[in-house]
Amino acid sequence: MNKVVPAAELEKSVREWAERLAAGPTFAIGLSKRLLNRSLAADMDTLFAEEAFTQALVANSEDMREGIRSFMEKRSPAFKGR
């Protein structure tokens, strides 16, 4: 996310964003970050294969199941990074 905030609000804004990320599905976020970093050095075929593998990992993760359950139960998810 990109946004501009007044200097007086910067620390609060950064803290809120960091807390949001930390409460999110950190397993999927970490894998996405890894793919993004790899995209600068790998060819497309390699990236597509790595993305497919990563999607399979995330689709079978505890966080994915929690995300689906929380959506169905109309509650906020409690991700654990697994």
Protein backbone atom coordinates (compact mmCIF):
# COMPACT_ATOMS: atom_id res chain seq x y z
CA MET A 1 0.00 0.00 0.00
CA ASN A 2 1.19 3.49 -0.78
CA LYS A 3 -0.18 6.62 0.75
CA VAL A 4 0.99 10.05 1.76
CA VAL A 5 0.38 11.24 5.31
CA PRO A 6 1.38 14.38 7.17
CA ALA A 7 4.66 14.02 9.07
CA ALA A 8 2.80 14.20 12.39
CA GLU A 9 0.77 11.10 11.43
CA LEU A 10 3.62 9.05 9.95
CA GLU A 11 4.51 7.00 13.03
CA LYS A 12 0.86 6.15 13.73
CA SER A 13 0.26 5.21 10.10
CA VAL A 14 3.35 2.99 9.95
CA ARG A 15 2.40 1.27 13.21
CA GLU A 16 -1.15 0.59 11.97
CA TRP A 17 0.14 -0.85 8.70
CA ALA A 18 2.71 -3.04 10.49
CA GLU A 19 0.06 -4.34 12.88
CA ARG A 20 -2.24 -5.12 9.97
CA LEU A 21 0.50 -7.08 8.20
CA ALA A 22 1.49 -8.92 11.40
CA ALA A 23 -2.13 -9.97 11.99
CA GLY A 24 -2.49 -11.17 8.41
CA PRO A 25 -1.60 -14.48 6.78
CA THR A 26 2.16 -14.11 7.25
CA PHE A 27 2.91 -17.46 5.61
CA ALA A 28 1.29 -16.32 2.35
CA ILE A 29 2.72 -12.81 2.64
CA GLY A 30 6.23 -14.19 3.11
CA LEU A 31 5.92 -16.50 0.12
CA SER A 32 4.57 -13.66 -2.01
CA LYS A 33 7.51 -11.49 -0.99
CA ARG A 34 9.89 -14.30 -1.93
CA LEU A 35 8.29 -14.63 -5.38
CA LEU A 36 8.45 -10.88 -5.91
CA ASN A 37 12.14 -10.78 -5.00
CA ARG A 38 12.87 -13.77 -7.29
CA SER A 39 11.07 -12.08 -10.18
CA LEU A 40 14.03 -9.79 -10.74
CA ALA A 41 16.48 -12.64 -11.38
CA ALA A 42 14.56 -15.61 -12.77
CA ASP A 43 13.08 -16.37 -16.18
CA MET A 44 9.31 -16.59 -16.71
CA ASP A 45 9.17 -20.41 -16.89
CA THR A 46 10.95 -20.68 -13.54
CA LEU A 47 8.70 -18.04 -12.00
CA PHE A 48 5.55 -19.76 -13.24
CA ALA A 49 6.71 -23.08 -11.78
CA GLU A 50 7.59 -21.44 -8.46
CA GLU A 51 4.25 -19.64 -8.37
CA ALA A 52 2.36 -22.89 -8.98
CA PHE A 53 4.30 -24.58 -6.17
CA THR A 54 3.70 -21.63 -3.86
CA GLN A 55 -0.03 -21.62 -4.64
CA ALA A 56 -0.21 -25.31 -3.71
CA LEU A 57 1.56 -24.62 -0.41
CA VAL A 58 -0.75 -21.75 0.48
CA ALA A 59 -3.90 -23.61 -0.63
CA ASN A 60 -3.07 -26.39 1.84
CA SER A 61 -2.06 -24.14 4.71
CA GLU A 62 -3.73 -23.78 8.08
CA ASP A 63 -4.08 -20.04 7.41
CA MET A 64 -6.04 -20.72 4.23
CA ARG A 65 -8.43 -22.98 6.10
CA GLU A 66 -8.77 -20.34 8.84
CA GLY A 67 -9.47 -17.66 6.23
CA ILE A 68 -12.26 -19.73 4.69
CA ARG A 69 -13.71 -20.68 8.10
CA SER A 70 -13.67 -17.10 9.34
CA PHE A 71 -15.36 -15.90 6.15
CA MET A 72 -18.08 -18.54 6.44
CA GLU A 73 -18.56 -17.73 10.13
CA LYS A 74 -18.57 -13.97 9.42
CA ARG A 75 -15.76 -13.23 11.88
CA SER A 76 -12.26 -11.82 11.75
CA PRO A 77 -9.59 -14.44 10.98
CA ALA A 78 -6.98 -15.51 13.52
CA PHE A 79 -4.00 -16.34 11.33
CA LYS A 80 -1.05 -18.25 12.81
CA GLY A 81 1.51 -18.11 10.02
CA ARG A 82 1.16 -21.78 9.10
